[in-house]
């Protein structure tokens, strides 16, 4: 049995805002995240309704988008996927509404915990997978931003989050474990996500059970069977949802993979802009 899984340090609500550092002092990971985020916001056009993802990479995107709103007068409406993203968006000057008011979105930009060659994702390290999936499903196009470390040959090294209702969660977890055995995944395990001594609570008031699988051979089958279990709200496998991934490198290089057009493009982002965004966004 693995140790109980806590939300990833780089996506915890307390660390959503990028650190106030000069570009030279940024970690290689932050430089890569900034490069991907900066390139992604180029796809946002005046008048768009934009889904705003959750996590440290998505936070760079929100700050970059806020800079365009302030400096270019870009008129957009943001739909945040978490309370932390909602707070950050308001802080940097992005008008926000709920999904029910927006109804349908032109574009969603979000991060990921893992992605493979088919742009199937594992998301939910920050605990916002339910809102993230609902928003992504209600959009014309989803762009995922990531550093190169998030790309894997086969999904599953990162624990797969499953959001469950608190009532009877132990029974739900036992049913999940039985399902893993039926899928010939014996030896795999699950753990209730903790926030210190208490169970982690999502924005919707639910728990998260993290599945330690090591590898996922059939993501579609696994997602379908998990979601049929009573008590399961949603799982962190995003299948046939992502249209493009933008991969950032610490030196500012970016790679764009558009799965629908079968196109790969390369470019470079000036990392000096990271300092302007950090300085201009405020607390």
Protein backbone atom coordinates (compact mmCIF):
# COMPACT_ATOMS: atom_id res chain seq x y z
CA UNK A 1 0.00 0.00 0.00
CA UNK A 2 1.58 3.32 -1.01
CA UNK A 3 1.64 6.31 1.26
CA UNK A 4 -1.48 8.43 1.05
CA UNK A 5 -1.19 10.84 -1.85
CA UNK A 6 -1.35 14.57 -1.25
CA UNK A 7 -2.01 17.21 -3.91
CA UNK A 8 1.11 17.94 -5.96
CA UNK A 9 3.15 20.75 -4.42
CA UNK A 10 3.24 22.61 -7.73
CA UNK A 11 -0.53 22.78 -7.97
CA UNK A 12 -1.64 23.41 -4.41
CA UNK A 13 -3.99 26.39 -3.97
CA UNK A 14 -1.42 28.23 -1.87
CA UNK A 15 1.06 28.11 -4.74
CA UNK A 16 -1.15 28.89 -7.70
CA UNK A 17 0.47 32.29 -8.20
CA UNK A 18 3.97 32.04 -9.74
CA UNK A 19 6.72 33.30 -7.42
CA UNK A 20 7.71 36.94 -7.61
CA UNK A 21 11.18 36.45 -9.04
CA UNK A 22 13.23 37.87 -11.87
CA UNK A 23 13.41 35.71 -15.01
CA UNK A 24 17.02 34.77 -14.16
CA UNK A 25 15.90 33.43 -10.78
CA UNK A 26 13.04 31.32 -12.13
CA UNK A 27 13.48 27.56 -12.02
CA UNK A 28 13.87 25.73 -15.34
CA UNK A 29 10.40 24.28 -14.78
CA UNK A 30 8.81 27.70 -14.35
CA UNK A 31 10.56 28.99 -17.46
CA UNK A 32 9.17 26.07 -19.45
CA UNK A 33 5.67 26.61 -18.06
CA UNK A 34 5.82 30.32 -18.84
CA UNK A 35 6.95 29.66 -22.43
CA UNK A 36 4.06 27.27 -23.07
CA UNK A 37 1.56 29.60 -21.41
CA UNK A 38 2.73 32.68 -23.28
CA UNK A 39 2.40 30.91 -26.63
CA UNK A 40 -1.05 29.54 -25.76
CA UNK A 41 -2.61 32.93 -25.05
CA UNK A 42 -1.82 33.96 -28.63
CA UNK A 43 -4.84 31.84 -29.58
CA UNK A 44 -7.21 33.98 -27.50
CA UNK A 45 -9.11 36.50 -29.63
CA UNK A 46 -11.25 39.50 -28.81
CA UNK A 47 -14.74 38.54 -27.69
CA UNK A 48 -13.90 34.94 -26.77
CA UNK A 49 -15.27 33.02 -23.82
CA UNK A 50 -12.26 31.21 -22.39
CA UNK A 51 -12.04 28.32 -19.94
CA UNK A 52 -9.27 28.98 -17.42
CA UNK A 53 -7.52 25.90 -16.09
CA UNK A 54 -6.13 25.15 -12.64
CA UNK A 55 -2.57 24.49 -11.48
CA UNK A 56 0.83 26.13 -11.57
CA UNK A 57 1.14 26.00 -15.37
CA UNK A 58 -2.38 27.31 -15.86
CA UNK A 59 -1.60 30.11 -13.41
CA UNK A 60 1.12 31.34 -15.76
CA UNK A 61 -1.47 31.32 -18.53
CA UNK A 62 -3.92 33.37 -16.46
CA UNK A 63 -1.23 35.94 -15.71
CA UNK A 64 -0.19 36.11 -19.37
CA UNK A 65 -3.82 36.55 -20.38
CA UNK A 66 -4.26 39.23 -17.76
CA UNK A 67 -1.35 41.12 -19.28
CA UNK A 68 -3.08 41.10 -22.67
CA UNK A 69 -6.29 42.36 -21.07
CA UNK A 70 -4.46 45.22 -19.36
CA UNK A 71 -2.07 46.22 -22.13
CA UNK A 72 -4.03 45.43 -25.29
CA UNK A 73 -7.56 46.03 -24.07
CA UNK A 74 -8.43 42.44 -24.99
CA UNK A 75 -12.11 41.86 -24.28
CA UNK A 76 -12.76 38.33 -23.08
CA UNK A 77 -14.84 36.46 -20.55
CA UNK A 78 -13.13 33.86 -18.41
CA UNK A 79 -14.72 30.77 -16.90
CA UNK A 80 -12.48 29.50 -14.07
CA UNK A 81 -12.21 25.81 -13.23
CA UNK A 82 -11.55 26.36 -9.52
CA UNK A 83 -11.89 28.92 -6.77
CA UNK A 84 -8.15 29.53 -6.81
CA UNK A 85 -8.19 30.28 -10.54
CA UNK A 86 -11.23 32.51 -10.07
CA UNK A 87 -9.32 34.52 -7.45
CA UNK A 88 -6.23 34.84 -9.64
CA UNK A 89 -8.22 35.83 -12.74
CA UNK A 90 -9.98 38.62 -10.87
CA UNK A 91 -6.66 39.72 -9.42
CA UNK A 92 -5.10 40.20 -12.88
CA UNK A 93 -8.15 41.91 -14.36
CA UNK A 94 -9.89 39.13 -16.31
CA UNK A 95 -13.71 39.37 -16.14
CA UNK A 96 -15.11 36.02 -15.01
CA UNK A 97 -18.52 34.33 -15.04
CA UNK A 98 -19.81 30.87 -14.26
CA UNK A 99 -20.26 28.23 -16.93
CA UNK A 100 -24.06 28.43 -16.71
CA UNK A 101 -23.86 32.09 -17.68
CA UNK A 102 -21.29 31.54 -20.44
CA UNK A 103 -23.12 28.40 -21.69
CA UNK A 104 -20.50 27.46 -24.30
CA UNK A 105 -16.83 28.37 -24.66
CA UNK A 106 -14.63 29.17 -27.64
CA UNK A 107 -11.41 27.95 -26.06
CA UNK A 108 -10.13 26.31 -22.88
CA UNK A 109 -6.47 26.41 -21.86
CA UNK A 110 -5.33 24.12 -19.05
CA UNK A 111 -2.35 22.17 -17.81
CA UNK A 112 -1.95 18.42 -17.34
CA UNK A 113 -0.22 15.90 -15.11
CA UNK A 114 0.55 13.49 -17.99
CA UNK A 115 -0.18 13.25 -21.70
CA UNK A 116 0.61 10.64 -24.34
CA UNK A 117 0.99 10.63 -28.11
CA UNK A 118 -2.79 10.57 -28.62
CA UNK A 119 -3.15 13.61 -26.32
CA UNK A 120 -5.00 11.53 -23.76
CA UNK A 121 -4.45 13.19 -20.40
CA UNK A 122 -4.31 12.47 -16.71
CA UNK A 123 -5.53 15.52 -14.81
CA UNK A 124 -6.57 16.20 -11.24
CA UNK A 125 -3.31 16.57 -9.34
CA UNK A 126 -4.67 19.85 -8.03
CA UNK A 127 -8.06 18.37 -7.21
CA UNK A 128 -10.09 20.31 -9.81
CA UNK A 129 -10.67 17.48 -12.29
CA UNK A 130 -14.48 17.62 -12.17
CA UNK A 131 -14.80 21.30 -13.03
CA UNK A 132 -11.91 21.01 -15.48
CA UNK A 133 -13.61 18.19 -17.38
CA UNK A 134 -17.01 19.90 -17.41
CA UNK A 135 -15.47 23.11 -18.76
CA UNK A 136 -13.34 21.25 -21.31
CA UNK A 137 -16.40 19.36 -22.55
CA UNK A 138 -18.25 22.64 -23.07
CA UNK A 139 -15.64 24.20 -25.36
CA UNK A 140 -14.95 24.25 -29.08
CA UNK A 141 -11.22 23.75 -28.61
CA UNK A 142 -8.95 22.71 -25.77
CA UNK A 143 -5.27 23.62 -25.63
CA UNK A 144 -3.08 21.93 -23.04
CA UNK A 145 0.13 23.58 -21.88
CA UNK A 146 2.95 21.59 -20.30
CA UNK A 147 6.65 21.19 -19.79
CA UNK A 148 8.39 18.28 -21.49
CA UNK A 149 8.41 16.16 -18.32
CA UNK A 150 4.64 15.67 -18.61
CA UNK A 151 4.93 13.67 -21.85
CA UNK A 152 4.93 9.90 -21.35
CA UNK A 153 4.98 6.87 -23.63
CA UNK A 154 2.21 5.27 -21.56
CA UNK A 155 -0.06 6.88 -18.99
CA UNK A 156 -0.16 5.77 -15.38
CA UNK A 157 3.04 6.75 -13.59
CA UNK A 158 1.13 9.70 -12.14
CA UNK A 159 -1.67 8.51 -9.81
CA UNK A 160 -5.08 8.64 -11.48
CA UNK A 161 -7.45 10.83 -9.43
CA UNK A 162 -11.05 9.73 -8.99
CA UNK A 163 -13.52 12.16 -7.39
CA UNK A 164 -16.01 10.39 -5.10
CA UNK A 165 -18.88 11.56 -2.89
CA UNK A 166 -18.07 11.48 0.85
CA UNK A 167 -21.03 9.24 1.69
CA UNK A 168 -19.83 5.63 1.69
CA UNK A 169 -16.46 6.55 0.19
CA UNK A 170 -14.82 3.46 1.69
CA UNK A 171 -17.35 1.24 -0.08
CA UNK A 172 -16.77 3.17 -3.30
CA UNK A 173 -13.03 2.69 -2.91
CA UNK A 174 -13.49 -1.06 -2.35
CA UNK A 175 -15.59 -1.27 -5.52
CA UNK A 176 -12.87 0.60 -7.42
CA UNK A 177 -10.28 -1.89 -6.15
CA UNK A 178 -12.49 -4.80 -7.29
CA UNK A 179 -12.79 -3.20 -10.71
CA UNK A 180 -9.02 -2.94 -11.00
CA UNK A 181 -8.73 -6.66 -10.25
CA UNK A 182 -11.39 -7.48 -12.85
CA UNK A 183 -9.39 -5.51 -15.40
CA UNK A 184 -6.38 -7.72 -14.60
CA UNK A 185 -4.65 -4.93 -12.73
CA UNK A 186 -3.93 -6.85 -9.51
CA UNK A 187 -1.32 -5.41 -7.19
CA UNK A 188 -2.44 -1.89 -7.97
CA UNK A 189 -3.71 0.17 -5.06
CA UNK A 190 -5.78 3.17 -4.10
CA UNK A 191 -5.49 5.82 -1.41
CA UNK A 192 -7.73 8.54 -0.10
CA UNK A 193 -6.09 11.89 -0.77
CA UNK A 194 -5.30 13.75 2.42
CA UNK A 195 -4.83 17.42 3.25
CA UNK A 196 -2.77 17.14 6.40
CA UNK A 197 -4.68 15.03 8.93
CA UNK A 198 -8.02 15.52 7.13
CA UNK A 199 -9.32 14.19 3.80
CA UNK A 200 -8.77 16.54 0.88
CA UNK A 201 -12.01 18.28 -0.11
CA UNK A 202 -12.66 19.43 -3.68
CA UNK A 203 -14.45 22.65 -4.58
CA UNK A 204 -17.60 20.54 -4.98
CA UNK A 205 -17.28 19.11 -1.46
CA UNK A 206 -16.12 15.66 -2.54
CA UNK A 207 -13.15 13.40 -1.76
CA UNK A 208 -10.45 12.19 -4.15
CA UNK A 209 -9.22 8.60 -4.32
CA UNK A 210 -5.88 8.32 -6.12
CA UNK A 211 -5.21 5.13 -8.06
CA UNK A 212 -1.59 4.00 -8.15
CA UNK A 213 -1.52 2.01 -11.38
CA UNK A 214 2.00 2.39 -12.78
CA UNK A 215 0.66 1.95 -16.31
CA UNK A 216 -2.69 2.20 -18.07
CA UNK A 217 -3.06 -0.06 -21.09
CA UNK A 218 -6.65 0.79 -22.04
CA UNK A 219 -7.61 4.27 -20.83
CA UNK A 220 -11.02 4.25 -22.50
CA UNK A 221 -12.11 0.98 -20.90
CA UNK A 222 -10.77 2.00 -17.49
CA UNK A 223 -12.54 5.38 -17.56
CA UNK A 224 -15.85 3.80 -18.58
CA UNK A 225 -15.79 1.13 -15.88
CA UNK A 226 -14.72 3.46 -13.08
CA UNK A 227 -17.47 5.93 -13.90
CA UNK A 228 -20.09 3.16 -13.63
CA UNK A 229 -19.28 2.60 -9.95
CA UNK A 230 -21.86 4.09 -7.55
CA UNK A 231 -20.29 6.94 -5.61
CA UNK A 232 -17.83 7.89 -8.34
CA UNK A 233 -18.39 11.40 -9.64
CA UNK A 234 -15.68 11.55 -12.32
CA UNK A 235 -12.18 10.30 -13.12
CA UNK A 236 -9.08 12.16 -14.25
CA UNK A 237 -8.70 10.56 -17.68
CA UNK A 238 -9.38 13.13 -20.41
CA UNK A 239 -9.97 11.22 -23.64
CA UNK A 240 -10.69 12.79 -27.06
CA UNK A 241 -10.91 16.22 -25.43
CA UNK A 242 -7.53 17.85 -26.03
CA UNK A 243 -6.98 19.34 -29.51
CA UNK A 244 -3.49 20.75 -29.12
CA UNK A 245 -0.60 20.50 -26.68
CA UNK A 246 2.02 23.22 -26.35
CA UNK A 247 5.25 22.00 -24.77
CA UNK A 248 7.59 24.58 -23.26
CA UNK A 249 11.33 24.32 -22.69
CA UNK A 250 13.43 26.23 -20.12
CA UNK A 251 15.24 28.13 -22.89
CA UNK A 252 11.96 29.50 -24.28
CA UNK A 253 11.51 27.01 -27.12
CA UNK A 254 7.97 25.77 -27.68
CA UNK A 255 6.54 22.88 -29.67
CA UNK A 256 2.92 22.87 -30.82
CA UNK A 257 1.21 19.58 -31.66
CA UNK A 258 -2.20 19.87 -33.28
CA UNK A 259 -3.71 16.39 -33.31
CA UNK A 260 -6.65 17.32 -35.54
CA UNK A 261 -4.50 18.80 -38.30
CA UNK A 262 -1.59 16.41 -37.81
CA UNK A 263 0.70 19.41 -37.61
CA UNK A 264 3.78 20.13 -35.50
CA UNK A 265 5.19 23.66 -35.21
CA UNK A 266 8.13 25.14 -33.34
CA UNK A 267 8.84 28.58 -32.00
CA UNK A 268 10.52 30.52 -29.22
CA UNK A 269 9.27 32.82 -26.45
CA UNK A 270 11.29 35.70 -25.00
CA UNK A 271 11.69 34.85 -21.32
CA UNK A 272 12.22 38.52 -20.48
CA UNK A 273 8.43 38.86 -20.72
CA UNK A 274 8.11 36.65 -17.64
CA UNK A 275 9.57 39.42 -15.50
CA UNK A 276 7.08 41.96 -16.87
CA UNK A 277 4.18 39.68 -16.04
CA UNK A 278 5.42 38.96 -12.53
CA UNK A 279 5.94 42.66 -11.89
CA UNK A 280 2.68 43.77 -13.49
CA UNK A 281 0.24 41.28 -12.01
CA UNK A 282 0.56 42.29 -8.38
CA UNK A 283 -0.65 40.23 -5.43
